[in-house]
Amino acid sequence: MSDDFKEEGYPQRRELWITLGIVVLVMLIVLVGLMAYSHLPRAGGNSNDGLTALTPTPAQKNPVASIELNRSFSYSGVNLTVTRVGEAGSYSDDQKHQSNYVIRVYLDAQNPGESPVGIDYQALARLVLPDGTQIAPQLITIPPVVLPGQKQTGYLDFPTNQQLDLSTLSLHLGKKAQVLFS
């Protein structure tokens, strides 16, 4: 009776599937091992070495002026702080730079709420000059979604063709939120 149900080649197909499964499993283990190895900190090194190599500190080229502000305001329930404003000929991490000067506005964002809040900095943020001229940001590094309970930092770069007195400028976010740099 067992001979009637026995397929020819069945044991060979079963052995083939087992071998194939073992090969795939070994490949997955090697892949996971390589990924883990590439993301682990190096022995005897500083734990920040990997982060420093990936995110170098941007350097100012032809610095003009800088002011410390630490001025806070609220937008859509998010607490924003302009920590510092700098003006330079350019910054090493700004590849889009096509003007004579760049005004960099450093921001901290904290969401005390319980759900994420999106802020479209490109559409909302404007650097306002003393004559009322508004400049849109050219480079934005602060994340557009502010997660609950987390502090996020970044900056907005505004291109200008002339040197400006930073204390005469202001940052507007939408129509209601503004920070004077004076």
C-alpha atoms as a PDB file:
ATOM      1  CA  MET A   1       0.000   0.000   0.000  1.00  0.00           C
ATOM      2  CA  SER A   2       2.822   2.373   0.723  1.00  0.00           C
ATOM      3  CA  ASP A   3       4.271   1.691  -2.744  1.00  0.00           C
ATOM      4  CA  ASP A   4       1.043   2.924  -4.406  1.00  0.00           C
ATOM      5  CA  PHE A   5       1.307   6.379  -2.797  1.00  0.00           C
ATOM      6  CA  LYS A   6       5.034   6.804  -3.185  1.00  0.00           C
ATOM      7  CA  GLU A   7       5.929   9.365  -5.809  1.00  0.00           C
ATOM      8  CA  GLU A   8       9.093   8.939  -7.691  1.00  0.00           C
ATOM      9  CA  GLY A   9      11.586  11.698  -6.828  1.00  0.00           C
ATOM     10  CA  TYR A  10       9.684  12.857  -3.714  1.00  0.00           C
ATOM     11  CA  PRO A  11      12.606  12.320  -1.341  1.00  0.00           C
ATOM     12  CA  GLN A  12      14.915  14.152  -3.759  1.00  0.00           C
ATOM     13  CA  ARG A  13      12.546  17.177  -4.023  1.00  0.00           C
ATOM     14  CA  ARG A  14      12.218  17.310  -0.261  1.00  0.00           C
ATOM     15  CA  GLU A  15      16.008  17.278   0.158  1.00  0.00           C
ATOM     16  CA  LEU A  16      16.288  20.029  -2.471  1.00  0.00           C
ATOM     17  CA  TRP A  17      13.811  22.277  -0.587  1.00  0.00           C
ATOM     18  CA  ILE A  18      15.563  21.669   2.718  1.00  0.00           C
ATOM     19  CA  THR A  19      18.943  22.525   1.179  1.00  0.00           C
ATOM     20  CA  LEU A  20      17.498  25.642  -0.466  1.00  0.00           C
ATOM     21  CA  GLY A  21      15.944  26.736   2.853  1.00  0.00           C
ATOM     22  CA  ILE A  22      19.247  26.294   4.684  1.00  0.00           C
ATOM     23  CA  VAL A  23      21.107  28.343   2.050  1.00  0.00           C
ATOM     24  CA  VAL A  24      18.550  31.186   2.273  1.00  0.00           C
ATOM     25  CA  LEU A  25      18.712  31.119   6.086  1.00  0.00           C
ATOM     26  CA  VAL A  26      22.522  31.300   6.069  1.00  0.00           C
ATOM     27  CA  MET A  27      22.409  34.219   3.591  1.00  0.00           C
ATOM     28  CA  LEU A  28      19.956  36.101   5.815  1.00  0.00           C
ATOM     29  CA  ILE A  29      22.144  35.549   8.884  1.00  0.00           C
ATOM     30  CA  VAL A  30      25.208  36.845   7.012  1.00  0.00           C
ATOM     31  CA  LEU A  31      23.268  39.877   5.739  1.00  0.00           C
ATOM     32  CA  VAL A  32      21.974  40.763   9.221  1.00  0.00           C
ATOM     33  CA  GLY A  33      25.473  40.294  10.643  1.00  0.00           C
ATOM     34  CA  LEU A  34      27.002  42.645   8.064  1.00  0.00           C
ATOM     35  CA  MET A  35      24.343  45.276   8.650  1.00  0.00           C
ATOM     36  CA  ALA A  36      24.809  45.085  12.424  1.00  0.00           C
ATOM     37  CA  TYR A  37      28.598  45.278  12.081  1.00  0.00           C
ATOM     38  CA  SER A  38      28.421  48.346   9.846  1.00  0.00           C
ATOM     39  CA  HIS A  39      26.195  50.217  12.328  1.00  0.00           C
ATOM     40  CA  LEU A  40      28.010  49.395  15.560  1.00  0.00           C
ATOM     41  CA  PRO A  41      30.495  51.871  17.075  1.00  0.00           C
ATOM     42  CA  ARG A  42      34.156  51.055  16.582  1.00  0.00           C
ATOM     43  CA  ALA A  43      36.084  49.516  19.478  1.00  0.00           C
ATOM     44  CA  GLY A  44      38.211  51.967  21.440  1.00  0.00           C
ATOM     45  CA  GLY A  45      36.773  54.957  19.621  1.00  0.00           C
ATOM     46  CA  ASN A  46      34.623  57.821  20.745  1.00  0.00           C
ATOM     47  CA  SER A  47      30.936  56.939  20.527  1.00  0.00           C
ATOM     48  CA  ASN A  48      30.334  60.188  18.638  1.00  0.00           C
ATOM     49  CA  ASP A  49      32.901  59.439  15.919  1.00  0.00           C
ATOM     50  CA  GLY A  50      30.291  57.933  13.584  1.00  0.00           C
ATOM     51  CA  LEU A  51      27.928  60.851  14.024  1.00  0.00           C
ATOM     52  CA  THR A  52      30.673  63.410  13.556  1.00  0.00           C
ATOM     53  CA  ALA A  53      31.784  61.764  10.331  1.00  0.00           C
ATOM     54  CA  LEU A  54      28.221  61.822   9.001  1.00  0.00           C
ATOM     55  CA  THR A  55      27.255  65.331  10.110  1.00  0.00           C
ATOM     56  CA  PRO A  56      30.218  67.700  10.086  1.00  0.00           C
ATOM     57  CA  THR A  57      29.823  71.097  11.694  1.00  0.00           C
ATOM     58  CA  PRO A  58      29.137  73.644   8.969  1.00  0.00           C
ATOM     59  CA  ALA A  59      31.766  76.340   8.635  1.00  0.00           C
ATOM     60  CA  GLN A  60      31.108  79.983   7.857  1.00  0.00           C
ATOM     61  CA  LYS A  61      32.951  81.450   4.909  1.00  0.00           C
ATOM     62  CA  ASN A  62      33.498  85.200   5.177  1.00  0.00           C
ATOM     63  CA  PRO A  63      31.574  85.689   8.451  1.00  0.00           C
ATOM     64  CA  VAL A  64      29.950  89.110   8.791  1.00  0.00           C
ATOM     65  CA  ALA A  65      27.930  89.167  12.027  1.00  0.00           C
ATOM     66  CA  SER A  66      26.227  86.983  14.597  1.00  0.00           C
ATOM     67  CA  ILE A  67      23.827  87.644  17.473  1.00  0.00           C
ATOM     68  CA  GLU A  68      22.548  85.392  20.256  1.00  0.00           C
ATOM     69  CA  LEU A  69      18.802  85.809  20.733  1.00  0.00           C
ATOM     70  CA  ASN A  70      16.999  83.015  22.603  1.00  0.00           C
ATOM     71  CA  ARG A  71      13.614  84.547  21.743  1.00  0.00           C
ATOM     72  CA  SER A  72      10.617  82.250  21.921  1.00  0.00           C
ATOM     73  CA  PHE A  73       7.213  82.312  20.257  1.00  0.00           C
ATOM     74  CA  SER A  74       4.412  79.854  19.601  1.00  0.00           C
ATOM     75  CA  TYR A  75       3.033  78.583  16.311  1.00  0.00           C
ATOM     76  CA  SER A  76       0.230  75.977  16.059  1.00  0.00           C
ATOM     77  CA  GLY A  77       0.894  74.875  19.636  1.00  0.00           C
ATOM     78  CA  VAL A  78       4.614  74.376  19.011  1.00  0.00           C
ATOM     79  CA  ASN A  79       7.114  76.365  21.073  1.00  0.00           C
ATOM     80  CA  LEU A  80       9.780  77.771  18.752  1.00  0.00           C
ATOM     81  CA  THR A  81      12.952  79.554  19.873  1.00  0.00           C
ATOM     82  CA  VAL A  82      15.264  81.585  17.663  1.00  0.00           C
ATOM     83  CA  THR A  83      18.542  80.848  19.408  1.00  0.00           C
ATOM     84  CA  ARG A  84      20.986  82.653  17.144  1.00  0.00           C
ATOM     85  CA  VAL A  85      21.214  84.545  13.869  1.00  0.00           C
ATOM     86  CA  GLY A  86      24.345  84.669  11.744  1.00  0.00           C
ATOM     87  CA  GLU A  87      25.344  86.366   8.521  1.00  0.00           C
ATOM     88  CA  ALA A  88      28.145  85.151   6.280  1.00  0.00           C
ATOM     89  CA  GLY A  89      29.292  85.102   2.697  1.00  0.00           C
ATOM     90  CA  SER A  90      28.333  81.419   2.637  1.00  0.00           C
ATOM     91  CA  TYR A  91      28.223  78.241   4.705  1.00  0.00           C
ATOM     92  CA  SER A  92      30.053  75.042   3.859  1.00  0.00           C
ATOM     93  CA  ASP A  93      26.871  72.933   3.921  1.00  0.00           C
ATOM     94  CA  ASP A  94      24.854  75.203   1.609  1.00  0.00           C
ATOM     95  CA  GLN A  95      25.299  73.956  -1.946  1.00  0.00           C
ATOM     96  CA  LYS A  96      22.375  76.019  -3.346  1.00  0.00           C
ATOM     97  CA  HIS A  97      23.970  79.328  -2.388  1.00  0.00           C
ATOM     98  CA  GLN A  98      23.640  81.808  -5.267  1.00  0.00           C
ATOM     99  CA  SER A  99      23.675  85.157  -3.460  1.00  0.00           C
ATOM    100  CA  ASN A 100      26.382  87.360  -1.986  1.00  0.00           C
ATOM    101  CA  TYR A 101      25.378  86.672   1.652  1.00  0.00           C
ATOM    102  CA  VAL A 102      23.344  84.230   3.698  1.00  0.00           C
ATOM    103  CA  ILE A 103      21.416  84.978   6.893  1.00  0.00           C
ATOM    104  CA  ARG A 104      21.138  81.790   8.952  1.00  0.00           C
ATOM    105  CA  VAL A 105      18.407  81.640  11.611  1.00  0.00           C
ATOM    106  CA  TYR A 106      18.914  78.825  14.155  1.00  0.00           C
ATOM    107  CA  LEU A 107      15.685  77.366  15.576  1.00  0.00           C
ATOM    108  CA  ASP A 108      14.661  74.999  18.355  1.00  0.00           C
ATOM    109  CA  ALA A 109      11.175  73.476  18.250  1.00  0.00           C
ATOM    110  CA  GLN A 110       9.354  71.708  21.087  1.00  0.00           C
ATOM    111  CA  ASN A 111       5.874  70.226  20.845  1.00  0.00           C
ATOM    112  CA  PRO A 112       4.220  70.025  24.295  1.00  0.00           C
ATOM    113  CA  GLY A 113       1.102  68.451  22.762  1.00  0.00           C
ATOM    114  CA  GLU A 114       0.278  64.803  22.281  1.00  0.00           C
ATOM    115  CA  SER A 115       0.178  64.626  18.492  1.00  0.00           C
ATOM    116  CA  PRO A 116       2.642  65.598  15.759  1.00  0.00           C
ATOM    117  CA  VAL A 117       2.370  69.090  14.270  1.00  0.00           C
ATOM    118  CA  GLY A 118       3.474  69.948  10.754  1.00  0.00           C
ATOM    119  CA  ILE A 119       5.017  73.328   9.946  1.00  0.00           C
ATOM    120  CA  ASP A 120       5.626  74.180   6.296  1.00  0.00           C
ATOM    121  CA  TYR A 121       8.650  76.432   6.803  1.00  0.00           C
ATOM    122  CA  GLN A 122       9.122  76.917   3.051  1.00  0.00           C
ATOM    123  CA  ALA A 123       5.637  78.405   2.674  1.00  0.00           C
ATOM    124  CA  LEU A 124       5.403  80.194   6.036  1.00  0.00           C
ATOM    125  CA  ALA A 125       8.854  81.485   7.060  1.00  0.00           C
ATOM    126  CA  ARG A 126       9.963  84.881   5.808  1.00  0.00           C
ATOM    127  CA  LEU A 127      12.888  87.091   6.730  1.00  0.00           C
ATOM    128  CA  VAL A 128      11.552  90.649   6.748  1.00  0.00           C
ATOM    129  CA  LEU A 129      13.925  93.515   5.938  1.00  0.00           C
ATOM    130  CA  PRO A 130      13.491  97.047   7.349  1.00  0.00           C
ATOM    131  CA  ASP A 131      11.865  98.228   4.091  1.00  0.00           C
ATOM    132  CA  GLY A 132       9.256  95.438   4.293  1.00  0.00           C
ATOM    133  CA  THR A 133      10.864  93.178   1.692  1.00  0.00           C
ATOM    134  CA  GLN A 134      10.260  89.512   2.498  1.00  0.00           C
ATOM    135  CA  ILE A 135      12.754  86.757   1.677  1.00  0.00           C
ATOM    136  CA  ALA A 136      11.834  83.064   1.547  1.00  0.00           C
ATOM    137  CA  PRO A 137      14.235  80.482   2.979  1.00  0.00           C
ATOM    138  CA  GLN A 138      16.599  78.795   0.551  1.00  0.00           C
ATOM    139  CA  LEU A 139      17.812  75.936   2.783  1.00  0.00           C
ATOM    140  CA  ILE A 140      15.814  74.375   5.630  1.00  0.00           C
ATOM    141  CA  THR A 141      17.297  71.776   7.978  1.00  0.00           C
ATOM    142  CA  ILE A 142      14.747  71.768  10.806  1.00  0.00           C
ATOM    143  CA  PRO A 143      12.292  68.866  10.361  1.00  0.00           C
ATOM    144  CA  PRO A 144       8.828  69.945   9.127  1.00  0.00           C
ATOM    145  CA  VAL A 145       7.024  67.635  11.567  1.00  0.00           C
ATOM    146  CA  VAL A 146       7.473  68.377  15.260  1.00  0.00           C
ATOM    147  CA  LEU A 147       6.941  65.218  17.285  1.00  0.00           C
ATOM    148  CA  PRO A 148       5.315  65.334  20.732  1.00  0.00           C
ATOM    149  CA  GLY A 149       7.709  65.757  23.648  1.00  0.00           C
ATOM    150  CA  GLN A 150      10.824  65.948  21.485  1.00  0.00           C
ATOM    151  CA  LYS A 151      13.145  68.895  20.930  1.00  0.00           C
ATOM    152  CA  GLN A 152      14.195  69.451  17.344  1.00  0.00           C
ATOM    153  CA  THR A 153      16.867  71.826  16.117  1.00  0.00           C
ATOM    154  CA  GLY A 154      17.858  73.175  12.748  1.00  0.00           C
ATOM    155  CA  TYR A 155      18.160  76.358  10.781  1.00  0.00           C
ATOM    156  CA  LEU A 156      16.718  78.383   7.926  1.00  0.00           C
ATOM    157  CA  ASP A 157      19.014  80.060   5.379  1.00  0.00           C
ATOM    158  CA  PHE A 158      17.884  83.265   3.685  1.00  0.00           C
ATOM    159  CA  PRO A 159      19.858  84.568   0.662  1.00  0.00           C
ATOM    160  CA  THR A 160      20.648  88.297   0.393  1.00  0.00           C
ATOM    161  CA  ASN A 161      22.713  90.291  -2.059  1.00  0.00           C
ATOM    162  CA  GLN A 162      23.916  92.859   0.460  1.00  0.00           C
ATOM    163  CA  GLN A 163      25.180  92.931   4.022  1.00  0.00           C
ATOM    164  CA  LEU A 164      22.386  93.655   6.468  1.00  0.00           C
ATOM    165  CA  ASP A 165      22.286  94.876  10.045  1.00  0.00           C
ATOM    166  CA  LEU A 166      20.869  91.798  11.813  1.00  0.00           C
ATOM    167  CA  SER A 167      19.233  93.888  14.546  1.00  0.00           C
ATOM    168  CA  THR A 168      16.932  95.498  11.940  1.00  0.00           C
ATOM    169  CA  LEU A 169      15.499  92.184  10.706  1.00  0.00           C
ATOM    170  CA  SER A 170      12.665  89.951  11.869  1.00  0.00           C
ATOM    171  CA  LEU A 171      11.464  86.422  11.224  1.00  0.00           C
ATOM    172  CA  HIS A 172       7.799  85.952  10.400  1.00  0.00           C
ATOM    173  CA  LEU A 173       6.054  82.580  10.466  1.00  0.00           C
ATOM    174  CA  GLY A 174       2.709  82.977   8.792  1.00  0.00           C
ATOM    175  CA  LYS A 175       0.803  86.201   9.439  1.00  0.00           C
ATOM    176  CA  LYS A 176       0.681  86.143  13.243  1.00  0.00           C
ATOM    177  CA  ALA A 177       4.010  84.877  14.595  1.00  0.00           C
ATOM    178  CA  GLN A 178       7.082  87.084  14.439  1.00  0.00           C
ATOM    179  CA  VAL A 179      10.404  87.530  16.212  1.00  0.00           C
ATOM    180  CA  LEU A 180      12.332  90.788  16.102  1.00  0.00           C
ATOM    181  CA  PHE A 181      16.111  90.395  16.064  1.00  0.00           C
ATOM    182  CA  SER A 182      16.729  93.738  17.827  1.00  0.00           C
END
